[in-house]
């Protein structure tokens, strides 16, 4: 069995229009037992719900990768990260450097 740890990528969607109706629900990602709580709290703190219940984050939100208790690195990448190759590569390289 492979015991190597890796990078776990979590995707999220950004929105330039910050039409904040409600905060991210308290139970957001509550079932993700391995994901570091500080990363979940960062996502909840920086996101919002629109009137339709969709969750959004700002285009500039780039949460730092976090090493979980399971030894894996948790990296949240947005659509804005993926649209900017330099930004996405630098964020992935940072996460990679945390594995060692």
N, C-alpha and C. Protein backbone atom coordinates (compact mmCIF):
# COMPACT_ATOMS: atom_id res chain seq x y z
N UNK A 1 0.84 -1.18 0.00
CA UNK A 1 0.00 0.00 0.00
C UNK A 1 0.89 1.25 0.00
N UNK A 2 0.55 2.23 -0.81
CA UNK A 2 1.30 3.47 -0.90
C UNK A 2 0.98 4.34 0.32
N UNK A 3 2.01 4.69 1.09
CA UNK A 3 1.82 5.50 2.29
C UNK A 3 2.22 6.95 2.08
N UNK A 4 2.58 7.32 0.85
CA UNK A 4 2.98 8.70 0.58
C UNK A 4 1.81 9.64 0.75
N UNK A 5 2.13 10.82 1.25
CA UNK A 5 1.11 11.86 1.41
C UNK A 5 1.10 12.72 0.16
N UNK A 6 0.00 13.41 -0.06
CA UNK A 6 -0.14 14.20 -1.27
C UNK A 6 -0.85 15.51 -1.03
N UNK A 7 -1.17 16.15 -2.12
CA UNK A 7 -1.88 17.42 -2.09
C UNK A 7 -3.34 17.15 -2.44
N UNK A 8 -4.22 17.56 -1.57
CA UNK A 8 -5.66 17.42 -1.78
C UNK A 8 -6.19 18.78 -2.22
N UNK A 9 -6.74 18.85 -3.43
CA UNK A 9 -7.20 20.12 -3.99
C UNK A 9 -8.71 20.25 -3.80
N UNK A 10 -9.10 21.39 -3.29
CA UNK A 10 -10.51 21.73 -3.10
C UNK A 10 -10.80 22.92 -4.01
N UNK A 11 -11.78 22.81 -4.86
CA UNK A 11 -12.11 23.90 -5.77
C UNK A 11 -13.22 24.77 -5.23
N UNK A 12 -13.17 26.05 -5.58
CA UNK A 12 -14.25 26.96 -5.23
C UNK A 12 -14.40 28.00 -6.33
N UNK A 13 -15.57 28.62 -6.39
CA UNK A 13 -15.92 29.55 -7.46
C UNK A 13 -15.97 30.98 -6.91
N UNK A 14 -15.42 31.89 -7.68
CA UNK A 14 -15.40 33.29 -7.27
C UNK A 14 -16.46 34.09 -8.02
N UNK A 15 -16.70 35.29 -7.50
CA UNK A 15 -17.67 36.18 -8.12
C UNK A 15 -17.22 37.61 -7.88
N UNK A 16 -17.13 38.39 -8.95
CA UNK A 16 -16.76 39.80 -8.81
C UNK A 16 -17.86 40.60 -8.13
N UNK A 17 -19.08 40.17 -8.27
CA UNK A 17 -20.21 40.87 -7.68
C UNK A 17 -20.43 40.31 -6.28
N UNK A 18 -20.12 41.12 -5.29
CA UNK A 18 -20.24 40.66 -3.91
C UNK A 18 -21.63 41.00 -3.36
N UNK A 19 -22.63 40.29 -3.89
CA UNK A 19 -24.00 40.46 -3.44
C UNK A 19 -24.24 39.53 -2.25
N UNK A 20 -23.76 39.96 -1.10
CA UNK A 20 -23.80 39.11 0.09
C UNK A 20 -25.18 39.15 0.73
N UNK A 21 -25.79 37.98 0.79
CA UNK A 21 -27.12 37.86 1.38
C UNK A 21 -27.02 37.19 2.74
N UNK A 22 -26.28 36.09 2.81
CA UNK A 22 -26.07 35.35 4.06
C UNK A 22 -24.62 34.88 4.12
N UNK A 23 -24.12 34.59 5.32
CA UNK A 23 -22.79 34.00 5.40
C UNK A 23 -22.80 32.54 4.94
N UNK A 24 -21.61 31.98 4.77
CA UNK A 24 -21.49 30.55 4.47
C UNK A 24 -22.07 29.79 5.67
N UNK A 25 -22.87 28.76 5.44
CA UNK A 25 -23.49 28.03 6.55
C UNK A 25 -22.47 27.46 7.54
N UNK A 26 -22.85 27.42 8.80
CA UNK A 26 -21.97 26.88 9.85
C UNK A 26 -21.57 25.44 9.58
N UNK A 27 -22.43 24.67 8.92
CA UNK A 27 -22.14 23.25 8.69
C UNK A 27 -21.37 23.01 7.38
N UNK A 28 -20.85 24.06 6.76
CA UNK A 28 -20.11 23.93 5.50
C UNK A 28 -18.90 23.04 5.72
N UNK A 29 -18.79 21.98 4.94
CA UNK A 29 -17.69 21.00 4.97
C UNK A 29 -17.56 20.27 6.32
N UNK A 30 -18.62 20.27 7.12
CA UNK A 30 -18.55 19.63 8.44
C UNK A 30 -18.28 18.14 8.37
N UNK A 31 -18.59 17.50 7.26
CA UNK A 31 -18.38 16.06 7.15
C UNK A 31 -16.96 15.71 6.68
N UNK A 32 -16.16 16.71 6.35
CA UNK A 32 -14.79 16.49 5.91
C UNK A 32 -13.88 16.36 7.13
N UNK A 33 -13.73 15.15 7.62
CA UNK A 33 -13.02 14.89 8.87
C UNK A 33 -11.52 15.14 8.77
N UNK A 34 -10.91 14.96 7.59
CA UNK A 34 -9.47 15.13 7.46
C UNK A 34 -9.06 16.55 7.11
N UNK A 35 -9.97 17.32 6.55
CA UNK A 35 -9.64 18.69 6.14
C UNK A 35 -9.41 19.55 7.38
N UNK A 36 -8.29 20.29 7.42
CA UNK A 36 -7.99 21.11 8.60
C UNK A 36 -9.08 22.14 8.90
N UNK A 37 -9.45 22.20 10.16
CA UNK A 37 -10.53 23.10 10.59
C UNK A 37 -10.19 24.56 10.30
N UNK A 38 -8.90 24.93 10.41
CA UNK A 38 -8.54 26.33 10.14
C UNK A 38 -8.78 26.71 8.69
N UNK A 39 -8.65 25.76 7.77
CA UNK A 39 -8.94 26.03 6.37
C UNK A 39 -10.44 26.15 6.15
N UNK A 40 -11.20 25.29 6.77
CA UNK A 40 -12.67 25.37 6.67
C UNK A 40 -13.15 26.71 7.22
N UNK A 41 -12.61 27.12 8.37
CA UNK A 41 -13.02 28.39 8.98
C UNK A 41 -12.63 29.57 8.08
N UNK A 42 -11.48 29.50 7.43
CA UNK A 42 -11.05 30.56 6.51
C UNK A 42 -12.03 30.65 5.33
N UNK A 43 -12.44 29.51 4.80
CA UNK A 43 -13.41 29.50 3.70
C UNK A 43 -14.75 30.09 4.16
N UNK A 44 -15.19 29.71 5.34
CA UNK A 44 -16.47 30.22 5.85
C UNK A 44 -16.40 31.72 6.11
N UNK A 45 -15.29 32.18 6.64
CA UNK A 45 -15.13 33.60 6.97
C UNK A 45 -15.10 34.49 5.72
N UNK A 46 -14.53 33.99 4.64
CA UNK A 46 -14.32 34.80 3.45
C UNK A 46 -15.35 34.61 2.35
N UNK A 47 -16.30 33.72 2.54
CA UNK A 47 -17.32 33.47 1.53
C UNK A 47 -18.66 34.06 1.90
N UNK A 48 -19.62 33.89 1.03
CA UNK A 48 -20.98 34.35 1.28
C UNK A 48 -21.96 33.58 0.41
N UNK A 49 -23.23 33.70 0.75
CA UNK A 49 -24.32 33.14 -0.05
C UNK A 49 -25.05 34.28 -0.73
N UNK A 50 -25.47 34.04 -1.97
CA UNK A 50 -26.34 35.01 -2.63
C UNK A 50 -27.79 34.66 -2.31
N UNK A 51 -28.71 35.39 -2.85
CA UNK A 51 -30.14 35.16 -2.56
C UNK A 51 -30.63 33.79 -3.01
N UNK A 52 -29.94 33.18 -3.98
CA UNK A 52 -30.33 31.85 -4.47
C UNK A 52 -29.70 30.72 -3.66
N UNK A 53 -28.85 31.07 -2.68
CA UNK A 53 -28.19 30.06 -1.87
C UNK A 53 -26.87 29.57 -2.43
N UNK A 54 -26.40 30.18 -3.53
CA UNK A 54 -25.10 29.82 -4.11
C UNK A 54 -23.99 30.38 -3.24
N UNK A 55 -22.91 29.62 -3.09
CA UNK A 55 -21.75 30.07 -2.33
C UNK A 55 -20.72 30.68 -3.26
N UNK A 56 -20.12 31.80 -2.81
CA UNK A 56 -19.15 32.54 -3.61
C UNK A 56 -17.99 33.01 -2.73
N UNK A 57 -16.87 33.32 -3.40
CA UNK A 57 -15.72 33.93 -2.76
C UNK A 57 -15.20 35.01 -3.69
N UNK A 58 -14.49 35.99 -3.15
CA UNK A 58 -13.93 37.07 -3.95
C UNK A 58 -12.81 36.60 -4.85
N UNK A 59 -12.61 37.29 -5.97
CA UNK A 59 -11.59 36.92 -6.96
C UNK A 59 -10.18 36.93 -6.35
N UNK A 60 -9.93 37.76 -5.36
CA UNK A 60 -8.60 37.87 -4.77
C UNK A 60 -8.37 36.90 -3.61
N UNK A 61 -9.37 36.14 -3.22
CA UNK A 61 -9.22 35.22 -2.08
C UNK A 61 -8.33 34.04 -2.48
N UNK A 62 -7.22 33.91 -1.76
CA UNK A 62 -6.25 32.84 -2.02
C UNK A 62 -5.84 32.23 -0.67
N UNK A 63 -6.66 31.34 -0.12
CA UNK A 63 -6.30 30.78 1.19
C UNK A 63 -4.99 29.99 1.11
N UNK A 64 -4.19 30.13 2.14
CA UNK A 64 -2.93 29.41 2.20
C UNK A 64 -3.18 27.91 2.31
N UNK A 65 -2.32 27.11 1.70
CA UNK A 65 -2.43 25.66 1.89
C UNK A 65 -2.15 25.33 3.35
N UNK A 66 -2.75 24.24 3.81
CA UNK A 66 -2.61 23.84 5.21
C UNK A 66 -2.29 22.35 5.26
N UNK A 67 -1.35 21.99 6.14
CA UNK A 67 -1.03 20.57 6.34
C UNK A 67 -2.01 20.00 7.35
N UNK A 68 -2.67 18.93 6.96
CA UNK A 68 -3.64 18.29 7.83
C UNK A 68 -2.99 17.33 8.80
N UNK A 69 -3.74 16.92 9.80
CA UNK A 69 -3.26 15.93 10.77
C UNK A 69 -2.94 14.60 10.11
N UNK A 70 -3.52 14.36 8.93
CA UNK A 70 -3.27 13.12 8.20
C UNK A 70 -1.99 13.18 7.37
N UNK A 71 -1.28 14.33 7.40
CA UNK A 71 -0.04 14.48 6.67
C UNK A 71 -0.20 15.01 5.25
N UNK A 72 -1.42 15.07 4.76
CA UNK A 72 -1.68 15.61 3.43
C UNK A 72 -1.74 17.14 3.49
N UNK A 73 -1.46 17.76 2.35
CA UNK A 73 -1.57 19.20 2.21
C UNK A 73 -2.90 19.50 1.54
N UNK A 74 -3.65 20.43 2.11
CA UNK A 74 -4.96 20.81 1.58
C UNK A 74 -4.83 22.18 0.92
N UNK A 75 -5.11 22.23 -0.38
CA UNK A 75 -4.96 23.44 -1.18
C UNK A 75 -6.29 23.78 -1.84
N UNK A 76 -6.77 24.97 -1.57
CA UNK A 76 -8.00 25.44 -2.20
C UNK A 76 -7.63 26.29 -3.41
N UNK A 77 -8.13 25.90 -4.58
CA UNK A 77 -7.89 26.63 -5.81
C UNK A 77 -9.23 27.09 -6.38
N UNK A 78 -9.25 28.33 -6.81
CA UNK A 78 -10.48 28.90 -7.37
C UNK A 78 -10.43 28.91 -8.90
N UNK A 79 -11.55 29.27 -9.48
CA UNK A 79 -11.59 29.46 -10.92
C UNK A 79 -10.63 30.58 -11.33
N UNK A 80 -10.47 31.60 -10.48
CA UNK A 80 -9.53 32.70 -10.77
C UNK A 80 -8.10 32.19 -10.77
N UNK A 81 -7.78 31.24 -9.88
CA UNK A 81 -6.45 30.64 -9.89
C UNK A 81 -6.21 29.91 -11.21
N UNK A 82 -7.19 29.15 -11.63
CA UNK A 82 -7.03 28.32 -12.83
C UNK A 82 -6.98 29.15 -14.12
N UNK A 83 -7.54 30.35 -14.09
CA UNK A 83 -7.50 31.23 -15.26
C UNK A 83 -6.16 31.95 -15.38
N UNK A 84 -5.36 31.92 -14.31
CA UNK A 84 -4.07 32.62 -14.29
C UNK A 84 -2.96 31.58 -14.05
N UNK A 85 -2.31 31.12 -15.11
CA UNK A 85 -1.31 30.05 -14.95
C UNK A 85 -0.21 30.38 -13.94
N UNK A 86 0.27 31.61 -13.93
CA UNK A 86 1.33 31.98 -12.98
C UNK A 86 0.84 31.85 -11.54
N UNK A 87 -0.36 32.34 -11.31
CA UNK A 87 -0.96 32.28 -9.97
C UNK A 87 -1.19 30.83 -9.53
N UNK A 88 -1.74 30.00 -10.41
CA UNK A 88 -2.04 28.62 -10.03
C UNK A 88 -0.75 27.82 -9.81
N UNK A 89 0.24 28.02 -10.66
CA UNK A 89 1.49 27.28 -10.50
C UNK A 89 2.20 27.68 -9.22
N UNK A 90 2.21 28.97 -8.90
CA UNK A 90 2.89 29.39 -7.66
C UNK A 90 2.19 28.84 -6.43
N UNK A 91 0.88 28.76 -6.46
CA UNK A 91 0.13 28.21 -5.32
C UNK A 91 0.37 26.70 -5.20
N UNK A 92 0.43 26.02 -6.33
CA UNK A 92 0.70 24.57 -6.30
C UNK A 92 2.14 24.28 -5.84
N UNK A 93 3.06 25.12 -6.25
CA UNK A 93 4.47 24.95 -5.82
C UNK A 93 4.61 25.15 -4.32
N UNK A 94 3.89 26.12 -3.77
CA UNK A 94 3.90 26.35 -2.32
C UNK A 94 3.38 25.11 -1.60
N UNK A 95 2.29 24.56 -2.07
CA UNK A 95 1.72 23.35 -1.47
C UNK A 95 2.71 22.19 -1.57
N UNK A 96 3.34 22.05 -2.74
CA UNK A 96 4.32 20.98 -2.95
C UNK A 96 5.48 21.10 -1.97
N UNK A 97 5.94 22.32 -1.71
CA UNK A 97 7.07 22.52 -0.80
C UNK A 97 6.71 22.12 0.64
N UNK A 98 5.44 22.13 0.97
CA UNK A 98 5.00 21.78 2.32
C UNK A 98 4.97 20.28 2.56
N UNK A 99 5.08 19.48 1.51
CA UNK A 99 5.06 18.03 1.66
C UNK A 99 6.32 17.50 2.33
N UNK A 100 7.39 18.23 2.26
CA UNK A 100 8.67 17.74 2.76
C UNK A 100 9.12 18.46 4.00
